[in-house]
């Protein structure tokens, strides 16, 4: 059961602390995952990592809707992007909490085939770093650092 605490107000959350940061708030509904993905892909346009960033935000947004109060009536999730001139980009998805802490390692029941749970593994493989902050009471932000200089080297090899 997801216990209702005091999640942040969506207007309060929108106030980005940095100059080169973008934030978007999306209703906790499945059709909004595609909207969040399109926003992120547009912000990453020209970096060569548009598709990776879009996939990452899709996975993290889906988890927010499925596993936290973000997917409840009136729920929302937030997406934050920071694109610095130097260093890795930051991409985070914030939820409203209510469940346990997000599991960044894949959990498998003994002797059973795993169904699902691959999304964060894919995110971890695409990112330089995957981490989280927050709590079930106030919400979580699952975030990545994405190296904009490390493009998929396998694409060039496959095309030859």
C-alpha atoms as a PDB file:
ATOM      1  CA  UNK A   1       0.000   0.000   0.000  1.00  0.00           C
ATOM      2  CA  UNK A   2       1.266   3.457  -0.846  1.00  0.00           C
ATOM      3  CA  UNK A   3       0.971   5.759   2.143  1.00  0.00           C
ATOM      4  CA  UNK A   4       0.087   9.416   1.467  1.00  0.00           C
ATOM      5  CA  UNK A   5       2.528  11.874   3.023  1.00  0.00           C
ATOM      6  CA  UNK A   6       3.334  15.444   1.969  1.00  0.00           C
ATOM      7  CA  UNK A   7       4.804  15.419  -1.538  1.00  0.00           C
ATOM      8  CA  UNK A   8       6.035  18.743  -2.905  1.00  0.00           C
ATOM      9  CA  UNK A   9       3.664  21.043  -4.743  1.00  0.00           C
ATOM     10  CA  UNK A  10       4.205  20.879  -8.523  1.00  0.00           C
ATOM     11  CA  UNK A  11       4.631  24.673  -8.847  1.00  0.00           C
ATOM     12  CA  UNK A  12       7.250  24.675  -6.090  1.00  0.00           C
ATOM     13  CA  UNK A  13       9.143  21.824  -7.767  1.00  0.00           C
ATOM     14  CA  UNK A  14       9.260  23.682 -11.120  1.00  0.00           C
ATOM     15  CA  UNK A  15      11.608  26.372  -9.801  1.00  0.00           C
ATOM     16  CA  UNK A  16      14.906  25.167 -11.260  1.00  0.00           C
ATOM     17  CA  UNK A  17      17.957  26.231  -9.241  1.00  0.00           C
ATOM     18  CA  UNK A  18      20.424  26.551 -12.146  1.00  0.00           C
ATOM     19  CA  UNK A  19      20.584  28.839 -15.171  1.00  0.00           C
ATOM     20  CA  UNK A  20      21.059  26.072 -17.754  1.00  0.00           C
ATOM     21  CA  UNK A  21      18.459  23.715 -16.307  1.00  0.00           C
ATOM     22  CA  UNK A  22      15.089  22.798 -17.734  1.00  0.00           C
ATOM     23  CA  UNK A  23      12.243  21.270 -15.786  1.00  0.00           C
ATOM     24  CA  UNK A  24       8.931  19.880 -16.891  1.00  0.00           C
ATOM     25  CA  UNK A  25       6.013  18.543 -14.868  1.00  0.00           C
ATOM     26  CA  UNK A  26       3.816  15.839 -16.371  1.00  0.00           C
ATOM     27  CA  UNK A  27       0.552  14.304 -15.204  1.00  0.00           C
ATOM     28  CA  UNK A  28       1.058  10.820 -13.795  1.00  0.00           C
ATOM     29  CA  UNK A  29      -0.542   9.179 -16.816  1.00  0.00           C
ATOM     30  CA  UNK A  30       1.020   6.802 -19.325  1.00  0.00           C
ATOM     31  CA  UNK A  31       0.493   9.073 -22.329  1.00  0.00           C
ATOM     32  CA  UNK A  32       2.668  11.704 -20.629  1.00  0.00           C
ATOM     33  CA  UNK A  33       5.732   9.465 -20.804  1.00  0.00           C
ATOM     34  CA  UNK A  34       5.940  10.120 -24.549  1.00  0.00           C
ATOM     35  CA  UNK A  35       5.572  13.871 -23.935  1.00  0.00           C
ATOM     36  CA  UNK A  36       8.449  13.792 -21.453  1.00  0.00           C
ATOM     37  CA  UNK A  37      10.550  11.784 -23.897  1.00  0.00           C
ATOM     38  CA  UNK A  38       9.931  14.271 -26.720  1.00  0.00           C
ATOM     39  CA  UNK A  39      10.903  17.177 -24.461  1.00  0.00           C
ATOM     40  CA  UNK A  40      14.171  15.514 -23.474  1.00  0.00           C
ATOM     41  CA  UNK A  41      15.029  14.460 -27.025  1.00  0.00           C
ATOM     42  CA  UNK A  42      14.496  18.068 -28.161  1.00  0.00           C
ATOM     43  CA  UNK A  43      16.776  19.392 -25.411  1.00  0.00           C
ATOM     44  CA  UNK A  44      19.482  16.854 -26.329  1.00  0.00           C
ATOM     45  CA  UNK A  45      19.123  17.542 -30.087  1.00  0.00           C
ATOM     46  CA  UNK A  46      22.500  17.716 -31.790  1.00  0.00           C
ATOM     47  CA  UNK A  47      24.384  15.969 -28.980  1.00  0.00           C
ATOM     48  CA  UNK A  48      24.295  12.523 -30.571  1.00  0.00           C
ATOM     49  CA  UNK A  49      22.663  11.177 -27.398  1.00  0.00           C
ATOM     50  CA  UNK A  50      19.061  12.192 -28.143  1.00  0.00           C
ATOM     51  CA  UNK A  51      17.796   8.617 -28.390  1.00  0.00           C
ATOM     52  CA  UNK A  52      19.662   7.509 -25.257  1.00  0.00           C
ATOM     53  CA  UNK A  53      18.320  10.441 -23.246  1.00  0.00           C
ATOM     54  CA  UNK A  54      14.795   9.732 -24.515  1.00  0.00           C
ATOM     55  CA  UNK A  55      15.035   6.067 -23.565  1.00  0.00           C
ATOM     56  CA  UNK A  56      16.357   6.936 -20.114  1.00  0.00           C
ATOM     57  CA  UNK A  57      13.541   9.378 -19.346  1.00  0.00           C
ATOM     58  CA  UNK A  58      10.972   6.864 -20.650  1.00  0.00           C
ATOM     59  CA  UNK A  59      12.248   4.144 -18.318  1.00  0.00           C
ATOM     60  CA  UNK A  60      12.500   6.403 -15.269  1.00  0.00           C
ATOM     61  CA  UNK A  61       9.089   8.004 -15.909  1.00  0.00           C
ATOM     62  CA  UNK A  62       7.452   4.614 -16.329  1.00  0.00           C
ATOM     63  CA  UNK A  63       8.886   3.483 -12.998  1.00  0.00           C
ATOM     64  CA  UNK A  64       7.609   6.658 -11.323  1.00  0.00           C
ATOM     65  CA  UNK A  65       4.072   6.054 -12.581  1.00  0.00           C
ATOM     66  CA  UNK A  66       4.039   2.319 -11.838  1.00  0.00           C
ATOM     67  CA  UNK A  67       5.676   2.277  -8.409  1.00  0.00           C
ATOM     68  CA  UNK A  68       4.884   5.579  -6.626  1.00  0.00           C
ATOM     69  CA  UNK A  69       2.077   8.012  -5.850  1.00  0.00           C
ATOM     70  CA  UNK A  70       2.921   9.708  -9.144  1.00  0.00           C
ATOM     71  CA  UNK A  71       0.636   7.180 -10.855  1.00  0.00           C
ATOM     72  CA  UNK A  72      -2.286   7.834  -8.488  1.00  0.00           C
ATOM     73  CA  UNK A  73      -5.166  10.193  -9.241  1.00  0.00           C
ATOM     74  CA  UNK A  74      -3.799  13.745  -9.352  1.00  0.00           C
ATOM     75  CA  UNK A  75      -0.223  12.471  -9.357  1.00  0.00           C
ATOM     76  CA  UNK A  76       2.634  13.890 -11.395  1.00  0.00           C
ATOM     77  CA  UNK A  77       6.289  13.306 -12.155  1.00  0.00           C
ATOM     78  CA  UNK A  78       8.974  15.830 -12.934  1.00  0.00           C
ATOM     79  CA  UNK A  79      11.836  15.750 -15.418  1.00  0.00           C
ATOM     80  CA  UNK A  80      14.971  17.850 -15.011  1.00  0.00           C
ATOM     81  CA  UNK A  81      17.776  18.311 -17.546  1.00  0.00           C
ATOM     82  CA  UNK A  82      21.055  20.157 -17.090  1.00  0.00           C
ATOM     83  CA  UNK A  83      23.364  20.537 -20.059  1.00  0.00           C
ATOM     84  CA  UNK A  84      26.673  22.039 -18.895  1.00  0.00           C
ATOM     85  CA  UNK A  85      29.293  23.307 -21.307  1.00  0.00           C
ATOM     86  CA  UNK A  86      31.814  20.819 -19.903  1.00  0.00           C
ATOM     87  CA  UNK A  87      31.221  17.492 -18.249  1.00  0.00           C
ATOM     88  CA  UNK A  88      28.324  15.077 -18.326  1.00  0.00           C
ATOM     89  CA  UNK A  89      24.693  16.061 -18.706  1.00  0.00           C
ATOM     90  CA  UNK A  90      22.292  15.510 -15.817  1.00  0.00           C
ATOM     91  CA  UNK A  91      18.897  13.888 -16.340  1.00  0.00           C
ATOM     92  CA  UNK A  92      16.598  13.221 -13.387  1.00  0.00           C
ATOM     93  CA  UNK A  93      13.032  12.056 -12.902  1.00  0.00           C
ATOM     94  CA  UNK A  94      11.302  12.951  -9.646  1.00  0.00           C
ATOM     95  CA  UNK A  95       8.309  11.082  -8.258  1.00  0.00           C
ATOM     96  CA  UNK A  96       5.952  11.607  -5.331  1.00  0.00           C
ATOM     97  CA  UNK A  97       7.238   8.703  -3.248  1.00  0.00           C
ATOM     98  CA  UNK A  98       4.977   6.437  -1.282  1.00  0.00           C
ATOM     99  CA  UNK A  99       6.659   3.152  -2.090  1.00  0.00           C
ATOM    100  CA  UNK A 100      10.011   1.832  -0.922  1.00  0.00           C
ATOM    101  CA  UNK A 101      13.289   3.147  -2.276  1.00  0.00           C
ATOM    102  CA  UNK A 102      13.889   2.503  -5.986  1.00  0.00           C
ATOM    103  CA  UNK A 103      15.993  -0.615  -6.486  1.00  0.00           C
ATOM    104  CA  UNK A 104      18.899   0.219  -8.752  1.00  0.00           C
ATOM    105  CA  UNK A 105      20.047  -3.401  -8.836  1.00  0.00           C
ATOM    106  CA  UNK A 106      17.945  -6.073 -10.513  1.00  0.00           C
ATOM    107  CA  UNK A 107      16.226  -8.406  -8.043  1.00  0.00           C
ATOM    108  CA  UNK A 108      15.482 -12.017  -8.991  1.00  0.00           C
ATOM    109  CA  UNK A 109      13.550 -14.579  -6.984  1.00  0.00           C
ATOM    110  CA  UNK A 110      15.484 -17.802  -6.507  1.00  0.00           C
ATOM    111  CA  UNK A 111      14.726 -20.365  -9.202  1.00  0.00           C
ATOM    112  CA  UNK A 112      12.320 -18.150 -11.116  1.00  0.00           C
ATOM    113  CA  UNK A 113      12.603 -16.500 -14.488  1.00  0.00           C
ATOM    114  CA  UNK A 114      12.649 -12.734 -14.188  1.00  0.00           C
ATOM    115  CA  UNK A 115       9.944 -10.754 -15.946  1.00  0.00           C
ATOM    116  CA  UNK A 116      10.686  -7.059 -16.115  1.00  0.00           C
ATOM    117  CA  UNK A 117      13.326  -5.244 -14.159  1.00  0.00           C
ATOM    118  CA  UNK A 118      15.543  -4.672 -17.187  1.00  0.00           C
ATOM    119  CA  UNK A 119      14.826  -0.948 -17.578  1.00  0.00           C
ATOM    120  CA  UNK A 120      17.242   0.276 -14.930  1.00  0.00           C
ATOM    121  CA  UNK A 121      19.895  -2.128 -16.218  1.00  0.00           C
ATOM    122  CA  UNK A 122      19.602  -0.485 -19.640  1.00  0.00           C
ATOM    123  CA  UNK A 123      19.712   2.970 -18.058  1.00  0.00           C
ATOM    124  CA  UNK A 124      22.811   2.007 -16.057  1.00  0.00           C
ATOM    125  CA  UNK A 125      24.535   0.768 -19.227  1.00  0.00           C
ATOM    126  CA  UNK A 126      23.836   4.044 -21.072  1.00  0.00           C
ATOM    127  CA  UNK A 127      24.885   6.345 -18.244  1.00  0.00           C
ATOM    128  CA  UNK A 128      28.171   7.281 -16.615  1.00  0.00           C
ATOM    129  CA  UNK A 129      26.418   7.224 -13.228  1.00  0.00           C
ATOM    130  CA  UNK A 130      22.979   6.171 -11.978  1.00  0.00           C
ATOM    131  CA  UNK A 131      21.848   7.154  -8.496  1.00  0.00           C
ATOM    132  CA  UNK A 132      18.913   8.386  -6.434  1.00  0.00           C
ATOM    133  CA  UNK A 133      18.014  10.737  -3.617  1.00  0.00           C
ATOM    134  CA  UNK A 134      14.876  11.133  -1.528  1.00  0.00           C
ATOM    135  CA  UNK A 135      12.562   8.988   0.504  1.00  0.00           C
ATOM    136  CA  UNK A 136       9.119   7.376   0.348  1.00  0.00           C
ATOM    137  CA  UNK A 137       7.722  10.273   2.415  1.00  0.00           C
ATOM    138  CA  UNK A 138       8.846  13.180   0.213  1.00  0.00           C
ATOM    139  CA  UNK A 139       9.515  11.480  -3.117  1.00  0.00           C
ATOM    140  CA  UNK A 140      12.570  10.303  -4.999  1.00  0.00           C
ATOM    141  CA  UNK A 141      14.704  11.601  -7.796  1.00  0.00           C
ATOM    142  CA  UNK A 142      16.390   8.907  -9.841  1.00  0.00           C
ATOM    143  CA  UNK A 143      19.114  10.559 -11.896  1.00  0.00           C
ATOM    144  CA  UNK A 144      21.909   9.860 -14.326  1.00  0.00           C
ATOM    145  CA  UNK A 145      24.975  11.558 -15.651  1.00  0.00           C
ATOM    146  CA  UNK A 146      25.138  11.081 -19.404  1.00  0.00           C
ATOM    147  CA  UNK A 147      28.457  11.592 -21.197  1.00  0.00           C
ATOM    148  CA  UNK A 148      27.808  13.706 -24.270  1.00  0.00           C
ATOM    149  CA  UNK A 149      31.222  12.896 -25.748  1.00  0.00           C
ATOM    150  CA  UNK A 150      30.714   9.123 -25.643  1.00  0.00           C
ATOM    151  CA  UNK A 151      28.613   8.354 -28.674  1.00  0.00           C
ATOM    152  CA  UNK A 152      27.671   4.781 -29.561  1.00  0.00           C
ATOM    153  CA  UNK A 153      30.827   3.467 -31.214  1.00  0.00           C
ATOM    154  CA  UNK A 154      29.087   0.301 -32.357  1.00  0.00           C
ATOM    155  CA  UNK A 155      26.928   2.217 -34.835  1.00  0.00           C
ATOM    156  CA  UNK A 156      29.954   3.114 -36.978  1.00  0.00           C
ATOM    157  CA  UNK A 157      31.304  -0.421 -36.868  1.00  0.00           C
ATOM    158  CA  UNK A 158      27.987  -1.982 -37.894  1.00  0.00           C
ATOM    159  CA  UNK A 159      27.638   0.359 -40.872  1.00  0.00           C
ATOM    160  CA  UNK A 160      30.978  -0.684 -42.377  1.00  0.00           C
END
